[in-house]
Amino acid sequence: MIVTLDHLRRAPGFGARPGFCAQGGREWFAYYGFDWSAFVRDGIDAEVIEATGDALGLHLVAFARAEAARGQ
């Protein structure tokens, strides 16, 4: 399953608005050594995010899988 920028922007966050900010996403990707530009262009395999074990990443993947299960 491919996680996309659209998932990142729409995932229920932990604040008043849904989604995660792009700046925070860039920082998260840099922290784990992932290519932000490639993600924006092509998305990223859910398994790559899951392998980090990071709670925010796992939350994002869970949201993307739930969307896929609903056909979205």
PDB file of N, CA and C in Angstrom:
ATOM      1  N   MET A   1       0.845  -1.171   0.000  1.00  0.00           N
ATOM      2  CA  MET A   1       0.000   0.000   0.000  1.00  0.00           C
ATOM      3  C   MET A   1       0.892   1.235   0.000  1.00  0.00           C
ATOM      4  N   ILE A   2       0.520   2.210  -0.785  1.00  0.00           N
ATOM      5  CA  ILE A   2       1.266   3.461  -0.889  1.00  0.00           C
ATOM      6  C   ILE A   2       0.565   4.535  -0.059  1.00  0.00           C
ATOM      7  N   VAL A   3       1.316   5.161   0.810  1.00  0.00           N
ATOM      8  CA  VAL A   3       0.835   6.292   1.602  1.00  0.00           C
ATOM      9  C   VAL A   3       1.219   7.558   0.831  1.00  0.00           C
ATOM     10  N   THR A   4       0.266   8.469   0.701  1.00  0.00           N
ATOM     11  CA  THR A   4       0.482   9.659  -0.117  1.00  0.00           C
ATOM     12  C   THR A   4       0.422  10.946   0.703  1.00  0.00           C
ATOM     13  N   LEU A   5       0.789  12.025   0.058  1.00  0.00           N
ATOM     14  CA  LEU A   5       0.689  13.345   0.677  1.00  0.00           C
ATOM     15  C   LEU A   5      -0.767  13.647   1.036  1.00  0.00           C
ATOM     16  N   ASP A   6      -1.695  13.188   0.226  1.00  0.00           N
ATOM     17  CA  ASP A   6      -3.111  13.388   0.525  1.00  0.00           C
ATOM     18  C   ASP A   6      -3.478  12.729   1.859  1.00  0.00           C
ATOM     19  N   HIS A   7      -2.968  11.535   2.107  1.00  0.00           N
ATOM     20  CA  HIS A   7      -3.209  10.890   3.399  1.00  0.00           C
ATOM     21  C   HIS A   7      -2.644  11.750   4.532  1.00  0.00           C
ATOM     22  N   LEU A   8      -1.433  12.239   4.334  1.00  0.00           N
ATOM     23  CA  LEU A   8      -0.785  13.064   5.359  1.00  0.00           C
ATOM     24  C   LEU A   8      -1.627  14.296   5.674  1.00  0.00           C
ATOM     25  N   ARG A   9      -2.183  14.903   4.650  1.00  0.00           N
ATOM     26  CA  ARG A   9      -2.962  16.132   4.835  1.00  0.00           C
ATOM     27  C   ARG A   9      -4.342  15.885   5.439  1.00  0.00           C
ATOM     28  N   ARG A  10      -4.857  14.661   5.297  1.00  0.00           N
ATOM     29  CA  ARG A  10      -6.209  14.383   5.778  1.00  0.00           C
ATOM     30  C   ARG A  10      -6.273  13.511   7.027  1.00  0.00           C
ATOM     31  N   ALA A  11      -5.171  12.918   7.427  1.00  0.00           N
ATOM     32  CA  ALA A  11      -5.184  12.035   8.602  1.00  0.00           C
ATOM     33  C   ALA A  11      -5.643  12.807   9.831  1.00  0.00           C
ATOM     34  N   PRO A  12      -6.504  12.186  10.625  1.00  0.00           N
ATOM     35  CA  PRO A  12      -6.901  12.872  11.858  1.00  0.00           C
ATOM     36  C   PRO A  12      -5.662  13.161  12.690  1.00  0.00           C
ATOM     37  N   GLY A  13      -5.499  14.411  13.019  1.00  0.00           N
ATOM     38  CA  GLY A  13      -4.329  14.811  13.793  1.00  0.00           C
ATOM     39  C   GLY A  13      -4.625  14.821  15.276  1.00  0.00           C
ATOM     40  N   PHE A  14      -3.818  15.512  15.960  1.00  0.00           N
ATOM     41  CA  PHE A  14      -3.956  15.576  17.404  1.00  0.00           C
ATOM     42  C   PHE A  14      -4.295  16.991  17.849  1.00  0.00           C
ATOM     43  N   GLY A  15      -4.694  17.809  16.878  1.00  0.00           N
ATOM     44  CA  GLY A  15      -5.081  19.181  17.162  1.00  0.00           C
ATOM     45  C   GLY A  15      -6.501  19.424  16.692  1.00  0.00           C
ATOM     46  N   ALA A  16      -6.833  20.680  16.529  1.00  0.00           N
ATOM     47  CA  ALA A  16      -8.194  21.061  16.151  1.00  0.00           C
ATOM     48  C   ALA A  16      -8.500  20.739  14.688  1.00  0.00           C
ATOM     49  N   ARG A  17      -7.486  20.751  13.843  1.00  0.00           N
ATOM     50  CA  ARG A  17      -7.704  20.511  12.413  1.00  0.00           C
ATOM     51  C   ARG A  17      -7.161  19.148  12.020  1.00  0.00           C
ATOM     52  N   PRO A  18      -7.775  18.515  11.016  1.00  0.00           N
ATOM     53  CA  PRO A  18      -7.252  17.230  10.553  1.00  0.00           C
ATOM     54  C   PRO A  18      -5.950  17.418   9.791  1.00  0.00           C
ATOM     55  N   GLY A  19      -5.199  16.361   9.699  1.00  0.00           N
ATOM     56  CA  GLY A  19      -3.982  16.364   8.910  1.00  0.00           C
ATOM     57  C   GLY A  19      -2.765  16.813   9.691  1.00  0.00           C
ATOM     58  N   PHE A  20      -1.641  16.561   9.089  1.00  0.00           N
ATOM     59  CA  PHE A  20      -0.357  16.982   9.646  1.00  0.00           C
ATOM     60  C   PHE A  20       0.216  18.051   8.740  1.00  0.00           C
ATOM     61  N   CYS A  21       0.923  19.002   9.300  1.00  0.00           N
ATOM     62  CA  CYS A  21       1.477  20.094   8.504  1.00  0.00           C
ATOM     63  C   CYS A  21       2.638  19.598   7.646  1.00  0.00           C
ATOM     64  N   ALA A  22       2.820  20.252   6.515  1.00  0.00           N
ATOM     65  CA  ALA A  22       3.886  19.867   5.599  1.00  0.00           C
ATOM     66  C   ALA A  22       5.261  20.059   6.241  1.00  0.00           C
ATOM     67  N   GLN A  23       5.434  21.132   6.992  1.00  0.00           N
ATOM     68  CA  GLN A  23       6.738  21.384   7.631  1.00  0.00           C
ATOM     69  C   GLN A  23       7.089  20.235   8.583  1.00  0.00           C
ATOM     70  N   GLY A  24       6.124  19.833   9.399  1.00  0.00           N
ATOM     71  CA  GLY A  24       6.359  18.711  10.300  1.00  0.00           C
ATOM     72  C   GLY A  24       6.628  17.430   9.536  1.00  0.00           C
ATOM     73  N   GLY A  25       5.935  17.248   8.426  1.00  0.00           N
ATOM     74  CA  GLY A  25       6.167  16.077   7.575  1.00  0.00           C
ATOM     75  C   GLY A  25       7.578  16.065   7.023  1.00  0.00           C
ATOM     76  N   ARG A  26       8.038  17.221   6.543  1.00  0.00           N
ATOM     77  CA  ARG A  26       9.413  17.318   6.029  1.00  0.00           C
ATOM     78  C   ARG A  26      10.427  16.973   7.115  1.00  0.00           C
ATOM     79  N   GLU A  27      10.199  17.497   8.302  1.00  0.00           N
ATOM     80  CA  GLU A  27      11.116  17.228   9.415  1.00  0.00           C
ATOM     81  C   GLU A  27      11.102  15.745   9.794  1.00  0.00           C
ATOM     82  N   TRP A  28       9.923  15.137   9.800  1.00  0.00           N
ATOM     83  CA  TRP A  28       9.795  13.723  10.126  1.00  0.00           C
ATOM     84  C   TRP A  28      10.548  12.886   9.094  1.00  0.00           C
ATOM     85  N   PHE A  29      10.352  13.200   7.817  1.00  0.00           N
ATOM     86  CA  PHE A  29      11.047  12.473   6.750  1.00  0.00           C
ATOM     87  C   PHE A  29      12.559  12.642   6.870  1.00  0.00           C
ATOM     88  N   ALA A  30      13.017  13.843   7.146  1.00  0.00           N
ATOM     89  CA  ALA A  30      14.456  14.089   7.289  1.00  0.00           C
ATOM     90  C   ALA A  30      15.017  13.305   8.473  1.00  0.00           C
ATOM     91  N   TYR A  31      14.281  13.264   9.562  1.00  0.00           N
ATOM     92  CA  TYR A  31      14.730  12.544  10.756  1.00  0.00           C
ATOM     93  C   TYR A  31      15.005  11.071  10.447  1.00  0.00           C
ATOM     94  N   TYR A  32      14.138  10.483   9.618  1.00  0.00           N
ATOM     95  CA  TYR A  32      14.298   9.069   9.273  1.00  0.00           C
ATOM     96  C   TYR A  32      15.088   8.849   7.983  1.00  0.00           C
ATOM     97  N   GLY A  33      15.577   9.915   7.386  1.00  0.00           N
ATOM     98  CA  GLY A  33      16.393   9.800   6.183  1.00  0.00           C
ATOM     99  C   GLY A  33      15.605   9.470   4.931  1.00  0.00           C
ATOM    100  N   PHE A  34      14.317   9.809   4.916  1.00  0.00           N
ATOM    101  CA  PHE A  34      13.470   9.557   3.756  1.00  0.00           C
ATOM    102  C   PHE A  34      13.460  10.782   2.854  1.00  0.00           C
ATOM    103  N   ASP A  35      13.217  10.553   1.576  1.00  0.00           N
ATOM    104  CA  ASP A  35      13.213  11.604   0.567  1.00  0.00           C
ATOM    105  C   ASP A  35      11.828  12.256   0.490  1.00  0.00           C
ATOM    106  N   TRP A  36      11.719  13.466   0.997  1.00  0.00           N
ATOM    107  CA  TRP A  36      10.452  14.183   1.005  1.00  0.00           C
ATOM    108  C   TRP A  36       9.944  14.423  -0.414  1.00  0.00           C
ATOM    109  N   SER A  37      10.804  14.840  -1.317  1.00  0.00           N
ATOM    110  CA  SER A  37      10.389  15.132  -2.693  1.00  0.00           C
ATOM    111  C   SER A  37       9.830  13.886  -3.376  1.00  0.00           C
ATOM    112  N   ALA A  38      10.472  12.740  -3.159  1.00  0.00           N
ATOM    113  CA  ALA A  38       9.969  11.487  -3.739  1.00  0.00           C
ATOM    114  C   ALA A  38       8.611  11.138  -3.143  1.00  0.00           C
ATOM    115  N   PHE A  39       8.447  11.380  -1.844  1.00  0.00           N
ATOM    116  CA  PHE A  39       7.160  11.122  -1.205  1.00  0.00           C
ATOM    117  C   PHE A  39       6.071  11.992  -1.814  1.00  0.00           C
ATOM    118  N   VAL A  40       6.339  13.274  -1.969  1.00  0.00           N
ATOM    119  CA  VAL A  40       5.353  14.195  -2.539  1.00  0.00           C
ATOM    120  C   VAL A  40       4.977  13.733  -3.945  1.00  0.00           C
ATOM    121  N   ARG A  41       5.950  13.303  -4.711  1.00  0.00           N
ATOM    122  CA  ARG A  41       5.730  12.893  -6.094  1.00  0.00           C
ATOM    123  C   ARG A  41       5.074  11.520  -6.203  1.00  0.00           C
ATOM    124  N   ASP A  42       5.567  10.531  -5.426  1.00  0.00           N
ATOM    125  CA  ASP A  42       5.178   9.132  -5.641  1.00  0.00           C
ATOM    126  C   ASP A  42       4.523   8.446  -4.454  1.00  0.00           C
ATOM    127  N   GLY A  43       4.560   9.067  -3.284  1.00  0.00           N
ATOM    128  CA  GLY A  43       4.117   8.386  -2.082  1.00  0.00           C
ATOM    129  C   GLY A  43       5.227   7.486  -1.550  1.00  0.00           C
ATOM    130  N   ILE A  44       4.908   6.705  -0.522  1.00  0.00           N
ATOM    131  CA  ILE A  44       5.898   5.826   0.100  1.00  0.00           C
ATOM    132  C   ILE A  44       5.190   4.555   0.556  1.00  0.00           C
ATOM    133  N   ASP A  45       5.876   3.440   0.479  1.00  0.00           N
ATOM    134  CA  ASP A  45       5.301   2.171   0.931  1.00  0.00           C
ATOM    135  C   ASP A  45       4.988   2.239   2.419  1.00  0.00           C
ATOM    136  N   ALA A  46       3.811   1.788   2.775  1.00  0.00           N
ATOM    137  CA  ALA A  46       3.397   1.777   4.180  1.00  0.00           C
ATOM    138  C   ALA A  46       4.393   1.000   5.034  1.00  0.00           C
ATOM    139  N   GLU A  47       4.953  -0.070   4.484  1.00  0.00           N
ATOM    140  CA  GLU A  47       5.888  -0.897   5.247  1.00  0.00           C
ATOM    141  C   GLU A  47       7.152  -0.130   5.643  1.00  0.00           C
ATOM    142  N   VAL A  48       7.555   0.813   4.810  1.00  0.00           N
ATOM    143  CA  VAL A  48       8.730   1.627   5.118  1.00  0.00           C
ATOM    144  C   VAL A  48       8.447   2.494   6.344  1.00  0.00           C
ATOM    145  N   ILE A  49       7.265   3.077   6.368  1.00  0.00           N
ATOM    146  CA  ILE A  49       6.877   3.898   7.522  1.00  0.00           C
ATOM    147  C   ILE A  49       6.727   3.022   8.756  1.00  0.00           C
ATOM    148  N   GLU A  50       6.069   1.884   8.606  1.00  0.00           N
ATOM    149  CA  GLU A  50       5.850   0.986   9.742  1.00  0.00           C
ATOM    150  C   GLU A  50       7.161   0.510  10.351  1.00  0.00           C
ATOM    151  N   ALA A  51       8.169   0.332   9.522  1.00  0.00           N
ATOM    152  CA  ALA A  51       9.464  -0.156  10.005  1.00  0.00           C
ATOM    153  C   ALA A  51      10.127   0.820  10.975  1.00  0.00           C
ATOM    154  N   THR A  52       9.713   2.093  10.938  1.00  0.00           N
ATOM    155  CA  THR A  52      10.296   3.057  11.877  1.00  0.00           C
ATOM    156  C   THR A  52       9.798   2.803  13.296  1.00  0.00           C
ATOM    157  N   GLY A  53       8.598   2.236  13.417  1.00  0.00           N
ATOM    158  CA  GLY A  53       7.988   2.045  14.734  1.00  0.00           C
ATOM    159  C   GLY A  53       7.500   3.339  15.361  1.00  0.00           C
ATOM    160  N   ASP A  54       7.582   4.423  14.638  1.00  0.00           N
ATOM    161  CA  ASP A  54       7.204   5.739  15.136  1.00  0.00           C
ATOM    162  C   ASP A  54       5.677   5.848  15.243  1.00  0.00           C
ATOM    163  N   ALA A  55       5.193   6.341  16.366  1.00  0.00           N
ATOM    164  CA  ALA A  55       3.756   6.413  16.616  1.00  0.00           C
ATOM    165  C   ALA A  55       3.021   7.278  15.593  1.00  0.00           C
ATOM    166  N   LEU A  56       3.588   8.398  15.211  1.00  0.00           N
ATOM    167  CA  LEU A  56       2.921   9.245  14.220  1.00  0.00           C
ATOM    168  C   LEU A  56       2.864   8.550  12.866  1.00  0.00           C
ATOM    169  N   GLY A  57       3.940   7.897  12.496  1.00  0.00           N
ATOM    170  CA  GLY A  57       3.962   7.153  11.240  1.00  0.00           C
ATOM    171  C   GLY A  57       2.959   6.014  11.247  1.00  0.00           C
ATOM    172  N   LEU A  58       2.874   5.296  12.354  1.00  0.00           N
ATOM    173  CA  LEU A  58       1.922   4.192  12.466  1.00  0.00           C
ATOM    174  C   LEU A  58       0.485   4.715  12.394  1.00  0.00           C
ATOM    175  N   HIS A  59       0.239   5.870  12.986  1.00  0.00           N
ATOM    176  CA  HIS A  59      -1.080   6.505  12.920  1.00  0.00           C
ATOM    177  C   HIS A  59      -1.433   6.844  11.467  1.00  0.00           C
ATOM    178  N   LEU A  60      -0.486   7.395  10.745  1.00  0.00           N
ATOM    179  CA  LEU A  60      -0.694   7.753   9.346  1.00  0.00           C
ATOM    180  C   LEU A  60      -0.992   6.514   8.502  1.00  0.00           C
ATOM    181  N   VAL A  61      -0.226   5.459   8.696  1.00  0.00           N
ATOM    182  CA  VAL A  61      -0.447   4.225   7.937  1.00  0.00           C
ATOM    183  C   VAL A  61      -1.812   3.632   8.266  1.00  0.00           C
ATOM    184  N   ALA A  62      -2.190   3.628   9.521  1.00  0.00           N
ATOM    185  CA  ALA A  62      -3.504   3.100   9.908  1.00  0.00           C
ATOM    186  C   ALA A  62      -4.619   3.878   9.212  1.00  0.00           C
ATOM    187  N   PHE A  63      -4.470   5.194   9.149  1.00  0.00           N
ATOM    188  CA  PHE A  63      -5.457   6.015   8.463  1.00  0.00           C
ATOM    189  C   PHE A  63      -5.503   5.657   6.972  1.00  0.00           C
ATOM    190  N   ALA A  64      -4.343   5.558   6.331  1.00  0.00           N
ATOM    191  CA  ALA A  64      -4.290   5.242   4.895  1.00  0.00           C
ATOM    192  C   ALA A  64      -4.908   3.868   4.624  1.00  0.00           C
ATOM    193  N   ARG A  65      -4.631   2.892   5.483  1.00  0.00           N
ATOM    194  CA  ARG A  65      -5.222   1.549   5.290  1.00  0.00           C
ATOM    195  C   ARG A  65      -6.733   1.595   5.470  1.00  0.00           C
ATOM    196  N   ALA A  66      -7.216   2.346   6.431  1.00  0.00           N
ATOM    197  CA  ALA A  66      -8.657   2.471   6.651  1.00  0.00           C
ATOM    198  C   ALA A  66      -9.328   3.134   5.444  1.00  0.00           C
ATOM    199  N   GLU A  67      -8.685   4.137   4.880  1.00  0.00           N
ATOM    200  CA  GLU A  67      -9.204   4.786   3.682  1.00  0.00           C
ATOM    201  C   GLU A  67      -9.269   3.795   2.526  1.00  0.00           C
ATOM    202  N   ALA A  68      -8.226   3.009   2.361  1.00  0.00           N
ATOM    203  CA  ALA A  68      -8.195   2.027   1.280  1.00  0.00           C
ATOM    204  C   ALA A  68      -9.291   0.974   1.470  1.00  0.00           C
ATOM    205  N   ALA A  69      -9.522   0.571   2.700  1.00  0.00           N
ATOM    206  CA  ALA A  69     -10.558  -0.418   2.983  1.00  0.00           C
ATOM    207  C   ALA A  69     -11.949   0.132   2.650  1.00  0.00           C
ATOM    208  N   ARG A  70     -12.117   1.429   2.764  1.00  0.00           N
ATOM    209  CA  ARG A  70     -13.385   2.073   2.416  1.00  0.00           C
ATOM    210  C   ARG A  70     -13.457   2.445   0.946  1.00  0.00           C
ATOM    211  N   GLY A  71     -12.397   2.133   0.204  1.00  0.00           N
ATOM    212  CA  GLY A  71     -12.372   2.432  -1.232  1.00  0.00           C
ATOM    213  C   GLY A  71     -12.039   3.858  -1.563  1.00  0.00           C
ATOM    214  N   GLN A  72     -11.385   4.542  -0.662  1.00  0.00           N
ATOM    215  CA  GLN A  72     -11.039   5.943  -0.894  1.00  0.00           C
ATOM    216  C   GLN A  72      -9.567   6.105  -1.150  1.00  0.00           C
TER     217      GLN A  72
END
